[in-house]
Amino acid sequence: MGYIPIAPHVYFSQFMDDHNPNDRRRALEMNKKLLEFCDELWVFGDEITEGMREEIEYFKKIKGEDKIRFIRNGLP
């Protein structure tokens, strides 16, 4: 089976304000709900934000650490 990228920060930011604490909290909760449908989590980049860390920890809890792949500087 193939892969499909899920990047909610790209589309949630079109109608939610990341600087509004209520919108930010709702977006993080929606992101977690989307993670429940994912088989793997790929994390790109060298910087891990607070929100990313929360989502990574949630994914570890529901799917396991072995299902997370970190891609840094373009390298696995």
Protein backbone atom coordinates (compact mmCIF):
# COMPACT_ATOMS: atom_id res chain seq x y z
CA MET A 1 0.00 0.00 0.00
CA GLY A 2 1.19 3.56 -0.65
CA TYR A 3 1.46 6.62 1.50
CA ILE A 4 -0.46 9.88 1.68
CA PRO A 5 0.91 12.93 3.51
CA ILE A 6 -1.31 14.47 6.16
CA ALA A 7 -0.22 18.03 7.04
CA PRO A 8 -3.06 19.66 8.98
CA HIS A 9 -1.02 22.76 9.85
CA VAL A 10 -1.20 23.65 6.17
CA TYR A 11 -4.98 23.70 5.94
CA PHE A 12 -6.11 24.37 9.53
CA SER A 13 -4.18 27.64 9.43
CA GLN A 14 -6.48 28.80 6.62
CA PHE A 15 -9.41 29.15 9.02
CA MET A 16 -7.89 29.01 12.50
CA ASP A 17 -5.69 31.57 14.25
CA ASP A 18 -2.57 29.93 15.68
CA HIS A 19 -2.10 32.99 17.93
CA ASN A 20 -5.53 32.48 19.51
CA PRO A 21 -5.09 30.01 22.42
CA ASN A 22 -8.56 28.51 21.93
CA ASP A 23 -8.03 27.95 18.19
CA ARG A 24 -4.57 26.53 18.83
CA ARG A 25 -5.88 24.04 21.41
CA ARG A 26 -8.72 22.95 19.10
CA ALA A 27 -6.30 22.51 16.20
CA LEU A 28 -4.00 20.34 18.32
CA GLU A 29 -6.95 18.19 19.36
CA MET A 30 -8.05 17.81 15.71
CA ASN A 31 -4.47 16.92 14.76
CA LYS A 32 -4.47 14.19 17.40
CA LYS A 33 -7.74 12.84 16.04
CA LEU A 34 -6.19 12.65 12.56
CA LEU A 35 -3.17 10.80 14.01
CA GLU A 36 -5.52 8.02 15.12
CA PHE A 37 -6.06 7.18 11.43
CA CYS A 38 -2.33 7.15 10.57
CA ASP A 39 -0.14 4.05 10.50
CA GLU A 40 3.12 6.02 10.73
CA LEU A 41 4.28 9.47 11.74
CA TRP A 42 7.06 11.11 9.76
CA VAL A 43 8.58 14.18 11.39
CA PHE A 44 10.50 16.49 9.05
CA GLY A 45 13.03 19.14 10.03
CA ASP A 46 15.50 19.83 12.79
CA GLU A 47 13.19 21.93 14.97
CA ILE A 48 10.54 20.27 17.13
CA THR A 49 7.96 22.81 18.32
CA GLU A 50 5.90 22.45 21.48
CA GLY A 51 2.85 21.44 19.44
CA MET A 52 4.83 18.90 17.44
CA ARG A 53 6.23 17.42 20.64
CA GLU A 54 2.71 17.03 22.04
CA GLU A 55 1.56 15.28 18.86
CA ILE A 56 4.64 13.03 18.78
CA GLU A 57 4.07 11.97 22.39
CA TYR A 58 0.40 11.27 21.65
CA PHE A 59 1.33 9.16 18.63
CA LYS A 60 3.86 7.19 20.70
CA LYS A 61 1.10 6.46 23.21
CA ILE A 62 -1.46 5.24 20.67
CA LYS A 63 0.72 3.60 17.98
CA GLY A 64 4.18 3.04 19.45
CA GLU A 65 7.55 4.68 19.09
CA ASP A 66 8.61 2.25 16.37
CA LYS A 67 6.03 3.83 14.02
CA ILE A 68 7.72 7.26 14.10
CA ARG A 69 10.35 8.28 11.56
CA PHE A 70 12.44 11.44 11.96
CA ILE A 71 13.77 13.04 8.76
CA ARG A 72 16.37 15.68 9.58
CA ASN A 73 18.36 17.73 7.08
CA GLY A 74 16.69 15.65 4.38
CA LEU A 75 18.18 12.43 5.74
CA PRO A 76 16.36 9.54 7.47
